[in-house]
């Protein structure tokens, strides 16, 4: 029937998107693991937060909402190259725009920042 084809097509589309996202995550993880650990002089030129709201329904039908926050910092190297990296919340709180120091990273993975 038409409903069966539509439902099957949507299921395949959603499953395909999930598999694609997982493959992209594994590929990035693998690239980072094969990238050298680099230390560069850099300054913090920006910070931002991305807040995600999630709605959940439990077995009793009660609605629950939760949030999660992803933190990012943008660093500018001595040569003018900029890089935005995802960082942990406690690191985010310790960084201030204008801080100068040594950035340590591996591919797109933030490893640390030592202020000078």
PDB file of N, CA and C in Angstrom:
ATOM      1  N   UNK A   1       0.842  -1.188   0.000  1.00  0.00           N
ATOM      2  CA  UNK A   1       0.000   0.000   0.000  1.00  0.00           C
ATOM      3  C   UNK A   1       0.882   1.244   0.000  1.00  0.00           C
ATOM      4  N   UNK A   2       0.247   2.374  -0.252  1.00  0.00           N
ATOM      5  CA  UNK A   2       0.971   3.645  -0.284  1.00  0.00           C
ATOM      6  C   UNK A   2       1.551   3.991   1.085  1.00  0.00           C
ATOM      7  N   UNK A   3       0.767   3.729   2.157  1.00  0.00           N
ATOM      8  CA  UNK A   3       1.247   4.013   3.509  1.00  0.00           C
ATOM      9  C   UNK A   3       2.484   3.182   3.819  1.00  0.00           C
ATOM     10  N   UNK A   4       2.475   1.923   3.451  1.00  0.00           N
ATOM     11  CA  UNK A   4       3.623   1.041   3.704  1.00  0.00           C
ATOM     12  C   UNK A   4       4.872   1.525   2.990  1.00  0.00           C
ATOM     13  N   UNK A   5       4.729   1.963   1.757  1.00  0.00           N
ATOM     14  CA  UNK A   5       5.877   2.480   1.011  1.00  0.00           C
ATOM     15  C   UNK A   5       6.407   3.765   1.630  1.00  0.00           C
ATOM     16  N   UNK A   6       5.498   4.666   2.020  1.00  0.00           N
ATOM     17  CA  UNK A   6       5.899   5.926   2.637  1.00  0.00           C
ATOM     18  C   UNK A   6       6.598   5.676   3.971  1.00  0.00           C
ATOM     19  N   UNK A   7       6.008   4.811   4.796  1.00  0.00           N
ATOM     20  CA  UNK A   7       6.588   4.497   6.097  1.00  0.00           C
ATOM     21  C   UNK A   7       7.957   3.831   5.925  1.00  0.00           C
ATOM     22  N   UNK A   8       8.051   2.879   5.020  1.00  0.00           N
ATOM     23  CA  UNK A   8       9.320   2.199   4.755  1.00  0.00           C
ATOM     24  C   UNK A   8      10.384   3.146   4.241  1.00  0.00           C
ATOM     25  N   UNK A   9       9.991   4.045   3.353  1.00  0.00           N
ATOM     26  CA  UNK A   9      10.932   5.029   2.820  1.00  0.00           C
ATOM     27  C   UNK A   9      11.441   5.974   3.892  1.00  0.00           C
ATOM     28  N   UNK A  10      10.538   6.446   4.757  1.00  0.00           N
ATOM     29  CA  UNK A  10      10.948   7.341   5.853  1.00  0.00           C
ATOM     30  C   UNK A  10      11.869   6.613   6.828  1.00  0.00           C
ATOM     31  N   UNK A  11      11.542   5.353   7.125  1.00  0.00           N
ATOM     32  CA  UNK A  11      12.384   4.563   8.027  1.00  0.00           C
ATOM     33  C   UNK A  11      13.793   4.426   7.444  1.00  0.00           C
ATOM     34  N   UNK A  12      13.884   4.102   6.161  1.00  0.00           N
ATOM     35  CA  UNK A  12      15.194   3.961   5.517  1.00  0.00           C
ATOM     36  C   UNK A  12      15.949   5.286   5.497  1.00  0.00           C
ATOM     37  N   UNK A  13      15.249   6.379   5.265  1.00  0.00           N
ATOM     38  CA  UNK A  13      15.876   7.693   5.254  1.00  0.00           C
ATOM     39  C   UNK A  13      16.461   8.033   6.626  1.00  0.00           C
ATOM     40  N   UNK A  14      15.667   7.855   7.673  1.00  0.00           N
ATOM     41  CA  UNK A  14      16.135   8.154   9.035  1.00  0.00           C
ATOM     42  C   UNK A  14      17.291   7.230   9.410  1.00  0.00           C
ATOM     43  N   UNK A  15      17.168   5.935   9.105  1.00  0.00           N
ATOM     44  CA  UNK A  15      18.240   4.990   9.409  1.00  0.00           C
ATOM     45  C   UNK A  15      19.510   5.364   8.649  1.00  0.00           C
ATOM     46  N   UNK A  16      19.371   5.781   7.397  1.00  0.00           N
ATOM     47  CA  UNK A  16      20.525   6.194   6.606  1.00  0.00           C
ATOM     48  C   UNK A  16      21.215   7.411   7.185  1.00  0.00           C
ATOM     49  N   UNK A  17      20.434   8.381   7.656  1.00  0.00           N
ATOM     50  CA  UNK A  17      21.008   9.585   8.268  1.00  0.00           C
ATOM     51  C   UNK A  17      21.766   9.220   9.538  1.00  0.00           C
ATOM     52  N   UNK A  18      21.197   8.343  10.353  1.00  0.00           N
ATOM     53  CA  UNK A  18      21.862   7.922  11.591  1.00  0.00           C
ATOM     54  C   UNK A  18      23.176   7.212  11.285  1.00  0.00           C
ATOM     55  N   UNK A  19      23.165   6.297  10.336  1.00  0.00           N
ATOM     56  CA  UNK A  19      24.387   5.574   9.957  1.00  0.00           C
ATOM     57  C   UNK A  19      25.432   6.544   9.406  1.00  0.00           C
ATOM     58  N   UNK A  20      25.003   7.504   8.580  1.00  0.00           N
ATOM     59  CA  UNK A  20      25.926   8.486   8.019  1.00  0.00           C
ATOM     60  C   UNK A  20      26.582   9.317   9.125  1.00  0.00           C
ATOM     61  N   UNK A  21      25.782   9.788  10.078  1.00  0.00           N
ATOM     62  CA  UNK A  21      26.323  10.590  11.180  1.00  0.00           C
ATOM     63  C   UNK A  21      27.320   9.782  12.006  1.00  0.00           C
ATOM     64  N   UNK A  22      27.000   8.519  12.258  1.00  0.00           N
ATOM     65  CA  UNK A  22      27.921   7.661  13.011  1.00  0.00           C
ATOM     66  C   UNK A  22      29.224   7.465  12.235  1.00  0.00           C
ATOM     67  N   UNK A  23      29.135   7.249  10.941  1.00  0.00           N
ATOM     68  CA  UNK A  23      30.330   7.059  10.113  1.00  0.00           C
ATOM     69  C   UNK A  23      31.191   8.321  10.109  1.00  0.00           C
ATOM     70  N   UNK A  24      30.550   9.482  10.042  1.00  0.00           N
ATOM     71  CA  UNK A  24      31.302  10.743  10.079  1.00  0.00           C
ATOM     72  C   UNK A  24      32.026  10.904  11.413  1.00  0.00           C
ATOM     73  N   UNK A  25      31.367  10.555  12.509  1.00  0.00           N
ATOM     74  CA  UNK A  25      31.984  10.644  13.827  1.00  0.00           C
ATOM     75  C   UNK A  25      33.174   9.713  13.968  1.00  0.00           C
ATOM     76  N   UNK A  26      33.037   8.483  13.486  1.00  0.00           N
ATOM     77  CA  UNK A  26      34.144   7.519  13.545  1.00  0.00           C
ATOM     78  C   UNK A  26      35.292   7.987  12.660  1.00  0.00           C
ATOM     79  N   UNK A  27      34.984   8.526  11.481  1.00  0.00           N
ATOM     80  CA  UNK A  27      36.028   9.010  10.579  1.00  0.00           C
ATOM     81  C   UNK A  27      36.802  10.170  11.213  1.00  0.00           C
ATOM     82  N   UNK A  28      36.095  11.105  11.865  1.00  0.00           N
ATOM     83  CA  UNK A  28      36.770  12.233  12.516  1.00  0.00           C
ATOM     84  C   UNK A  28      37.627  11.747  13.673  1.00  0.00           C
ATOM     85  N   UNK A  29      37.108  10.817  14.458  1.00  0.00           N
ATOM     86  CA  UNK A  29      37.861  10.243  15.578  1.00  0.00           C
ATOM     87  C   UNK A  29      39.146   9.594  15.056  1.00  0.00           C
ATOM     88  N   UNK A  30      39.048   8.858  13.951  1.00  0.00           N
ATOM     89  CA  UNK A  30      40.201   8.176  13.365  1.00  0.00           C
ATOM     90  C   UNK A  30      41.218   9.190  12.828  1.00  0.00           C
ATOM     91  N   UNK A  31      40.732  10.240  12.137  1.00  0.00           N
ATOM     92  CA  UNK A  31      41.634  11.287  11.635  1.00  0.00           C
ATOM     93  C   UNK A  31      42.372  11.962  12.782  1.00  0.00           C
ATOM     94  N   UNK A  32      41.646  12.272  13.858  1.00  0.00           N
ATOM     95  CA  UNK A  32      42.287  12.900  15.013  1.00  0.00           C
ATOM     96  C   UNK A  32      43.354  11.995  15.605  1.00  0.00           C
ATOM     97  N   UNK A  33      43.060  10.697  15.738  1.00  0.00           N
ATOM     98  CA  UNK A  33      44.032   9.772  16.306  1.00  0.00           C
ATOM     99  C   UNK A  33      45.288   9.661  15.457  1.00  0.00           C
ATOM    100  N   UNK A  34      45.173   9.858  14.148  1.00  0.00           N
ATOM    101  CA  UNK A  34      46.322   9.768  13.269  1.00  0.00           C
ATOM    102  C   UNK A  34      47.004  11.116  13.020  1.00  0.00           C
ATOM    103  N   UNK A  35      46.459  12.181  13.590  1.00  0.00           N
ATOM    104  CA  UNK A  35      47.061  13.507  13.454  1.00  0.00           C
ATOM    105  C   UNK A  35      48.117  13.689  14.533  1.00  0.00           C
ATOM    106  N   UNK A  36      49.152  14.481  14.245  1.00  0.00           N
ATOM    107  CA  UNK A  36      50.162  14.737  15.272  1.00  0.00           C
ATOM    108  C   UNK A  36      49.610  15.669  16.357  1.00  0.00           C
ATOM    109  N   UNK A  37      50.120  15.528  17.555  1.00  0.00           N
ATOM    110  CA  UNK A  37      49.790  16.465  18.628  1.00  0.00           C
ATOM    111  C   UNK A  37      50.606  17.727  18.360  1.00  0.00           C
ATOM    112  N   UNK A  38      49.921  18.859  18.278  1.00  0.00           N
ATOM    113  CA  UNK A  38      50.595  20.118  17.955  1.00  0.00           C
ATOM    114  C   UNK A  38      50.472  21.104  19.101  1.00  0.00           C
ATOM    115  N   UNK A  39      51.527  21.881  19.305  1.00  0.00           N
ATOM    116  CA  UNK A  39      51.532  22.979  20.274  1.00  0.00           C
ATOM    117  C   UNK A  39      51.859  24.244  19.499  1.00  0.00           C
ATOM    118  N   UNK A  40      50.979  25.251  19.619  1.00  0.00           N
ATOM    119  CA  UNK A  40      51.185  26.512  18.903  1.00  0.00           C
ATOM    120  C   UNK A  40      50.842  27.675  19.806  1.00  0.00           C
ATOM    121  N   UNK A  41      51.590  28.772  19.614  1.00  0.00           N
ATOM    122  CA  UNK A  41      51.262  30.000  20.338  1.00  0.00           C
ATOM    123  C   UNK A  41      49.979  30.542  19.757  1.00  0.00           C
ATOM    124  N   UNK A  42      49.046  30.893  20.626  1.00  0.00           N
ATOM    125  CA  UNK A  42      47.731  31.333  20.164  1.00  0.00           C
ATOM    126  C   UNK A  42      47.088  32.244  21.190  1.00  0.00           C
ATOM    127  N   UNK A  43      46.076  32.970  20.735  1.00  0.00           N
ATOM    128  CA  UNK A  43      45.278  33.774  21.654  1.00  0.00           C
ATOM    129  C   UNK A  43      43.815  33.386  21.485  1.00  0.00           C
ATOM    130  N   UNK A  44      43.057  33.551  22.558  1.00  0.00           N
ATOM    131  CA  UNK A  44      41.626  33.266  22.537  1.00  0.00           C
ATOM    132  C   UNK A  44      40.937  34.491  21.939  1.00  0.00           C
ATOM    133  N   UNK A  45      40.245  34.295  20.815  1.00  0.00           N
ATOM    134  CA  UNK A  45      39.587  35.432  20.154  1.00  0.00           C
ATOM    135  C   UNK A  45      38.069  35.332  20.208  1.00  0.00           C
ATOM    136  N   UNK A  46      37.543  34.224  20.699  1.00  0.00           N
ATOM    137  CA  UNK A  46      36.093  34.102  20.789  1.00  0.00           C
ATOM    138  C   UNK A  46      35.687  32.881  21.587  1.00  0.00           C
ATOM    139  N   UNK A  47      34.501  32.962  22.152  1.00  0.00           N
ATOM    140  CA  UNK A  47      33.904  31.850  22.888  1.00  0.00           C
ATOM    141  C   UNK A  47      32.419  31.823  22.559  1.00  0.00           C
ATOM    142  N   UNK A  48      31.852  30.620  22.500  1.00  0.00           N
ATOM    143  CA  UNK A  48      30.403  30.531  22.302  1.00  0.00           C
ATOM    144  C   UNK A  48      29.883  29.248  22.916  1.00  0.00           C
ATOM    145  N   UNK A  49      28.584  29.252  23.170  1.00  0.00           N
ATOM    146  CA  UNK A  49      27.888  28.097  23.724  1.00  0.00           C
ATOM    147  C   UNK A  49      26.768  27.708  22.775  1.00  0.00           C
ATOM    148  N   UNK A  50      26.490  26.424  22.722  1.00  0.00           N
ATOM    149  CA  UNK A  50      25.361  25.918  21.938  1.00  0.00           C
ATOM    150  C   UNK A  50      24.479  25.129  22.902  1.00  0.00           C
ATOM    151  N   UNK A  51      23.279  25.624  23.156  1.00  0.00           N
ATOM    152  CA  UNK A  51      22.366  24.983  24.099  1.00  0.00           C
ATOM    153  C   UNK A  51      21.344  24.165  23.324  1.00  0.00           C
ATOM    154  N   UNK A  52      21.176  22.911  23.734  1.00  0.00           N
ATOM    155  CA  UNK A  52      20.218  22.001  23.101  1.00  0.00           C
ATOM    156  C   UNK A  52      19.141  21.644  24.120  1.00  0.00           C
ATOM    157  N   UNK A  53      17.890  21.743  23.714  1.00  0.00           N
ATOM    158  CA  UNK A  53      16.763  21.383  24.564  1.00  0.00           C
ATOM    159  C   UNK A  53      16.219  20.039  24.092  1.00  0.00           C
ATOM    160  N   UNK A  54      15.944  19.154  25.039  1.00  0.00           N
ATOM    161  CA  UNK A  54      15.452  17.818  24.721  1.00  0.00           C
ATOM    162  C   UNK A  54      14.147  17.575  25.469  1.00  0.00           C
ATOM    163  N   UNK A  55      13.136  17.119  24.767  1.00  0.00           N
ATOM    164  CA  UNK A  55      11.867  16.753  25.391  1.00  0.00           C
ATOM    165  C   UNK A  55      11.760  15.232  25.421  1.00  0.00           C
ATOM    166  N   UNK A  56      11.363  14.698  26.577  1.00  0.00           N
ATOM    167  CA  UNK A  56      11.235  13.254  26.750  1.00  0.00           C
ATOM    168  C   UNK A  56       9.865  12.936  27.331  1.00  0.00           C
ATOM    169  N   UNK A  57       9.318  11.820  26.963  1.00  0.00           N
ATOM    170  CA  UNK A  57       8.082  11.327  27.552  1.00  0.00           C
ATOM    171  C   UNK A  57       8.401   9.998  28.232  1.00  0.00           C
ATOM    172  N   UNK A  58       8.076   9.891  29.515  1.00  0.00           N
ATOM    173  CA  UNK A  58       8.360   8.635  30.215  1.00  0.00           C
ATOM    174  C   UNK A  58       7.235   7.623  29.977  1.00  0.00           C
ATOM    175  N   UNK A  59       7.365   6.447  30.579  1.00  0.00           N
ATOM    176  CA  UNK A  59       6.399   5.355  30.371  1.00  0.00           C
ATOM    177  C   UNK A  59       4.994   5.735  30.821  1.00  0.00           C
ATOM    178  N   UNK A  60       4.866   6.672  31.752  1.00  0.00           N
ATOM    179  CA  UNK A  60       3.557   7.105  32.247  1.00  0.00           C
ATOM    180  C   UNK A  60       2.966   8.233  31.413  1.00  0.00           C
ATOM    181  N   UNK A  61       3.693   8.674  30.403  1.00  0.00           N
ATOM    182  CA  UNK A  61       3.194   9.744  29.546  1.00  0.00           C
ATOM    183  C   UNK A  61       3.555  11.136  30.035  1.00  0.00           C
ATOM    184  N   UNK A  62       4.322  11.232  31.127  1.00  0.00           N
ATOM    185  CA  UNK A  62       4.716  12.541  31.651  1.00  0.00           C
ATOM    186  C   UNK A  62       5.846  13.113  30.798  1.00  0.00           C
ATOM    187  N   UNK A  63       5.738  14.400  30.524  1.00  0.00           N
ATOM    188  CA  UNK A  63       6.719  15.088  29.694  1.00  0.00           C
ATOM    189  C   UNK A  63       7.856  15.622  30.563  1.00  0.00           C
ATOM    190  N   UNK A  64       9.090  15.441  30.120  1.00  0.00           N
ATOM    191  CA  UNK A  64      10.271  15.954  30.816  1.00  0.00           C
ATOM    192  C   UNK A  64      11.122  16.712  29.812  1.00  0.00           C
ATOM    193  N   UNK A  65      11.759  17.766  30.294  1.00  0.00           N
ATOM    194  CA  UNK A  65      12.644  18.534  29.429  1.00  0.00           C
ATOM    195  C   UNK A  65      14.013  18.581  30.066  1.00  0.00           C
ATOM    196  N   UNK A  66      15.049  18.419  29.250  1.00  0.00           N
ATOM    197  CA  UNK A  66      16.412  18.560  29.736  1.00  0.00           C
ATOM    198  C   UNK A  66      17.183  19.394  28.719  1.00  0.00           C
ATOM    199  N   UNK A  67      18.296  19.929  29.161  1.00  0.00           N
ATOM    200  CA  UNK A  67      19.140  20.712  28.266  1.00  0.00           C
ATOM    201  C   UNK A  67      20.573  20.207  28.365  1.00  0.00           C
ATOM    202  N   UNK A  68      21.315  20.418  27.302  1.00  0.00           N
ATOM    203  CA  UNK A  68      22.749  20.151  27.316  1.00  0.00           C
ATOM    204  C   UNK A  68      23.428  21.314  26.607  1.00  0.00           C
ATOM    205  N   UNK A  69      24.632  21.611  27.030  1.00  0.00           N
ATOM    206  CA  UNK A  69      25.368  22.737  26.468  1.00  0.00           C
ATOM    207  C   UNK A  69      26.696  22.249  25.917  1.00  0.00           C
ATOM    208  N   UNK A  70      27.020  22.677  24.707  1.00  0.00           N
ATOM    209  CA  UNK A  70      28.305  22.391  24.095  1.00  0.00           C
ATOM    210  C   UNK A  70      29.077  23.705  24.047  1.00  0.00           C
ATOM    211  N   UNK A  71      30.340  23.658  24.435  1.00  0.00           N
ATOM    212  CA  UNK A  71      31.163  24.861  24.534  1.00  0.00           C
ATOM    213  C   UNK A  71      32.238  24.863  23.448  1.00  0.00           C
ATOM    214  N   UNK A  72      32.496  26.053  22.894  1.00  0.00           N
ATOM    215  CA  UNK A  72      33.503  26.214  21.845  1.00  0.00           C
ATOM    216  C   UNK A  72      34.365  27.434  22.157  1.00  0.00           C
ATOM    217  N   UNK A  73      35.634  27.359  21.747  1.00  0.00           N
ATOM    218  CA  UNK A  73      36.534  28.509  21.825  1.00  0.00           C
ATOM    219  C   UNK A  73      37.230  28.643  20.481  1.00  0.00           C
ATOM    220  N   UNK A  74      37.422  29.886  20.054  1.00  0.00           N
ATOM    221  CA  UNK A  74      38.147  30.162  18.815  1.00  0.00           C
ATOM    222  C   UNK A  74      39.516  30.708  19.182  1.00  0.00           C
ATOM    223  N   UNK A  75      40.537  30.090  18.595  1.00  0.00           N
ATOM    224  CA  UNK A  75      41.922  30.477  18.847  1.00  0.00           C
ATOM    225  C   UNK A  75      42.517  31.033  17.559  1.00  0.00           C
ATOM    226  N   UNK A  76      43.372  32.066  17.704  1.00  0.00           N
ATOM    227  CA  UNK A  76      44.090  32.610  16.557  1.00  0.00           C
ATOM    228  C   UNK A  76      45.577  32.389  16.778  1.00  0.00           C
ATOM    229  N   UNK A  77      46.213  31.710  15.810  1.00  0.00           N
ATOM    230  CA  UNK A  77      47.640  31.412  15.889  1.00  0.00           C
ATOM    231  C   UNK A  77      48.445  32.639  15.468  1.00  0.00           C
ATOM    232  N   UNK A  78      49.755  32.570  15.683  1.00  0.00           N
ATOM    233  CA  UNK A  78      50.652  33.673  15.307  1.00  0.00           C
ATOM    234  C   UNK A  78      50.572  34.011  13.822  1.00  0.00           C
ATOM    235  N   UNK A  79      50.332  33.007  12.978  1.00  0.00           N
ATOM    236  CA  UNK A  79      50.297  33.238  11.532  1.00  0.00           C
ATOM    237  C   UNK A  79      48.938  33.733  11.043  1.00  0.00           C
ATOM    238  N   UNK A  80      47.991  33.988  11.966  1.00  0.00           N
ATOM    239  CA  UNK A  80      46.673  34.504  11.604  1.00  0.00           C
ATOM    240  C   UNK A  80      45.615  33.436  11.386  1.00  0.00           C
ATOM    241  N   UNK A  81      46.019  32.150  11.355  1.00  0.00           N
ATOM    242  CA  UNK A  81      45.051  31.068  11.178  1.00  0.00           C
ATOM    243  C   UNK A  81      44.159  30.969  12.425  1.00  0.00           C
ATOM    244  N   UNK A  82      42.868  30.798  12.190  1.00  0.00           N
ATOM    245  CA  UNK A  82      41.922  30.649  13.295  1.00  0.00           C
ATOM    246  C   UNK A  82      41.383  29.229  13.323  1.00  0.00           C
ATOM    247  N   UNK A  83      41.106  28.752  14.532  1.00  0.00           N
ATOM    248  CA  UNK A  83      40.592  27.401  14.710  1.00  0.00           C
ATOM    249  C   UNK A  83      39.581  27.410  15.855  1.00  0.00           C
ATOM    250  N   UNK A  84      38.382  26.889  15.577  1.00  0.00           N
ATOM    251  CA  UNK A  84      37.379  26.755  16.624  1.00  0.00           C
ATOM    252  C   UNK A  84      37.376  25.306  17.089  1.00  0.00           C
ATOM    253  N   UNK A  85      37.505  25.113  18.402  1.00  0.00           N
ATOM    254  CA  UNK A  85      37.560  23.777  18.974  1.00  0.00           C
ATOM    255  C   UNK A  85      36.512  23.619  20.062  1.00  0.00           C
ATOM    256  N   UNK A  86      35.944  22.432  20.153  1.00  0.00           N
ATOM    257  CA  UNK A  86      34.993  22.132  21.223  1.00  0.00           C
ATOM    258  C   UNK A  86      35.788  21.869  22.490  1.00  0.00           C
ATOM    259  N   UNK A  87      35.342  22.478  23.589  1.00  0.00           N
ATOM    260  CA  UNK A  87      36.056  22.337  24.858  1.00  0.00           C
ATOM    261  C   UNK A  87      35.066  21.967  25.963  1.00  0.00           C
ATOM    262  N   UNK A  88      35.601  21.532  27.090  1.00  0.00           N
ATOM    263  CA  UNK A  88      34.768  21.168  28.237  1.00  0.00           C
ATOM    264  C   UNK A  88      34.322  22.433  28.969  1.00  0.00           C
ATOM    265  N   UNK A  89      33.229  22.305  29.704  1.00  0.00           N
ATOM    266  CA  UNK A  89      32.655  23.449  30.408  1.00  0.00           C
ATOM    267  C   UNK A  89      33.606  24.094  31.389  1.00  0.00           C
ATOM    268  N   UNK A  90      34.365  23.303  32.128  1.00  0.00           N
ATOM    269  CA  UNK A  90      35.276  23.898  33.123  1.00  0.00           C
ATOM    270  C   UNK A  90      36.406  24.657  32.436  1.00  0.00           C
ATOM    271  N   UNK A  91      36.851  24.192  31.252  1.00  0.00           N
ATOM    272  CA  UNK A  91      37.869  24.910  30.481  1.00  0.00           C
ATOM    273  C   UNK A  91      37.281  26.218  29.947  1.00  0.00           C
ATOM    274  N   UNK A  92      36.028  26.149  29.492  1.00  0.00           N
ATOM    275  CA  UNK A  92      35.335  27.316  28.955  1.00  0.00           C
ATOM    276  C   UNK A  92      35.301  28.436  30.001  1.00  0.00           C
ATOM    277  N   UNK A  93      35.014  28.065  31.236  1.00  0.00           N
ATOM    278  CA  UNK A  93      34.940  29.050  32.306  1.00  0.00           C
ATOM    279  C   UNK A  93      36.282  29.658  32.660  1.00  0.00           C
ATOM    280  N   UNK A  94      37.367  28.932  32.387  1.00  0.00           N
ATOM    281  CA  UNK A  94      38.703  29.419  32.735  1.00  0.00           C
ATOM    282  C   UNK A  94      39.325  30.288  31.637  1.00  0.00           C
ATOM    283  N   UNK A  95      38.770  30.215  30.421  1.00  0.00           N
ATOM    284  CA  UNK A  95      39.308  31.002  29.309  1.00  0.00           C
ATOM    285  C   UNK A  95      38.605  32.348  29.214  1.00  0.00           C
ATOM    286  N   UNK A  96      39.369  33.346  28.835  1.00  0.00           N
ATOM    287  CA  UNK A  96      38.798  34.677  28.580  1.00  0.00           C
ATOM    288  C   UNK A  96      39.315  35.165  27.237  1.00  0.00           C
ATOM    289  N   UNK A  97      38.464  35.874  26.510  1.00  0.00           N
ATOM    290  CA  UNK A  97      38.916  36.447  25.245  1.00  0.00           C
ATOM    291  C   UNK A  97      40.102  37.350  25.524  1.00  0.00           C
ATOM    292  N   UNK A  98      41.132  37.226  24.705  1.00  0.00           N
ATOM    293  CA  UNK A  98      42.353  38.001  24.889  1.00  0.00           C
ATOM    294  C   UNK A  98      43.456  37.220  25.571  1.00  0.00           C
ATOM    295  N   UNK A  99      43.146  36.079  26.188  1.00  0.00           N
ATOM    296  CA  UNK A  99      44.182  35.245  26.800  1.00  0.00           C
ATOM    297  C   UNK A  99      45.184  34.829  25.731  1.00  0.00           C
ATOM    298  N   UNK A 100      46.461  34.820  26.081  1.00  0.00           N
ATOM    299  CA  UNK A 100      47.521  34.408  25.170  1.00  0.00           C
ATOM    300  C   UNK A 100      48.308  33.292  25.820  1.00  0.00           C
ATOM    301  N   UNK A 101      48.680  32.300  25.019  1.00  0.00           N
ATOM    302  CA  UNK A 101      49.447  31.188  25.568  1.00  0.00           C
ATOM    303  C   UNK A 101      49.738  30.132  24.525  1.00  0.00           C
ATOM    304  N   UNK A 102      49.862  28.887  24.986  1.00  0.00           N
ATOM    305  CA  UNK A 102      50.174  27.772  24.108  1.00  0.00           C
ATOM    306  C   UNK A 102      48.963  26.850  24.011  1.00  0.00           C
ATOM    307  N   UNK A 103      48.478  26.670  22.790  1.00  0.00           N
ATOM    308  CA  UNK A 103      47.356  25.781  22.505  1.00  0.00           C
ATOM    309  C   UNK A 103      47.904  24.418  22.114  1.00  0.00           C
ATOM    310  N   UNK A 104      47.358  23.367  22.715  1.00  0.00           N
ATOM    311  CA  UNK A 104      47.720  21.998  22.352  1.00  0.00           C
ATOM    312  C   UNK A 104      46.481  21.333  21.787  1.00  0.00           C
ATOM    313  N   UNK A 105      46.619  20.752  20.582  1.00  0.00           N
ATOM    314  CA  UNK A 105      45.485  20.106  19.930  1.00  0.00           C
ATOM    315  C   UNK A 105      45.979  18.957  19.063  1.00  0.00           C
ATOM    316  N   UNK A 106      45.052  18.091  18.706  1.00  0.00           N
ATOM    317  CA  UNK A 106      45.344  16.956  17.826  1.00  0.00           C
ATOM    318  C   UNK A 106      44.216  16.874  16.809  1.00  0.00           C
ATOM    319  N   UNK A 107      44.485  17.301  15.593  1.00  0.00           N
ATOM    320  CA  UNK A 107      43.430  17.363  14.586  1.00  0.00           C
ATOM    321  C   UNK A 107      42.402  18.400  14.991  1.00  0.00           C
ATOM    322  N   UNK A 108      41.169  17.956  15.250  1.00  0.00           N
ATOM    323  CA  UNK A 108      40.119  18.862  15.727  1.00  0.00           C
ATOM    324  C   UNK A 108      39.852  18.658  17.215  1.00  0.00           C
ATOM    325  N   UNK A 109      40.720  17.944  17.900  1.00  0.00           N
ATOM    326  CA  UNK A 109      40.542  17.613  19.321  1.00  0.00           C
ATOM    327  C   UNK A 109      41.359  18.573  20.183  1.00  0.00           C
ATOM    328  N   UNK A 110      40.677  19.325  21.036  1.00  0.00           N
ATOM    329  CA  UNK A 110      41.317  20.244  21.973  1.00  0.00           C
ATOM    330  C   UNK A 110      41.969  19.437  23.083  1.00  0.00           C
ATOM    331  N   UNK A 111      43.242  19.717  23.369  1.00  0.00           N
ATOM    332  CA  UNK A 111      43.941  19.010  24.436  1.00  0.00           C
ATOM    333  C   UNK A 111      44.301  19.917  25.610  1.00  0.00           C
ATOM    334  N   UNK A 112      44.378  21.229  25.378  1.00  0.00           N
ATOM    335  CA  UNK A 112      44.672  22.120  26.491  1.00  0.00           C
ATOM    336  C   UNK A 112      45.168  23.482  26.030  1.00  0.00           C
ATOM    337  N   UNK A 113      45.198  24.417  26.979  1.00  0.00           N
ATOM    338  CA  UNK A 113      45.688  25.762  26.717  1.00  0.00           C
ATOM    339  C   UNK A 113      46.409  26.236  27.968  1.00  0.00           C
ATOM    340  N   UNK A 114      47.689  26.587  27.811  1.00  0.00           N
ATOM    341  CA  UNK A 114      48.493  27.102  28.930  1.00  0.00           C
ATOM    342  C   UNK A 114      48.671  28.603  28.737  1.00  0.00           C
ATOM    343  N   UNK A 115      48.077  29.375  29.654  1.00  0.00           N
ATOM    344  CA  UNK A 115      48.178  30.835  29.602  1.00  0.00           C
ATOM    345  C   UNK A 115      49.607  31.279  29.913  1.00  0.00           C
ATOM    346  N   UNK A 116      50.053  32.318  29.238  1.00  0.00           N
ATOM    347  CA  UNK A 116      51.393  32.901  29.515  1.00  0.00           C
ATOM    348  C   UNK A 116      51.225  34.199  30.264  1.00  0.00           C
TER     349      UNK A 116
END
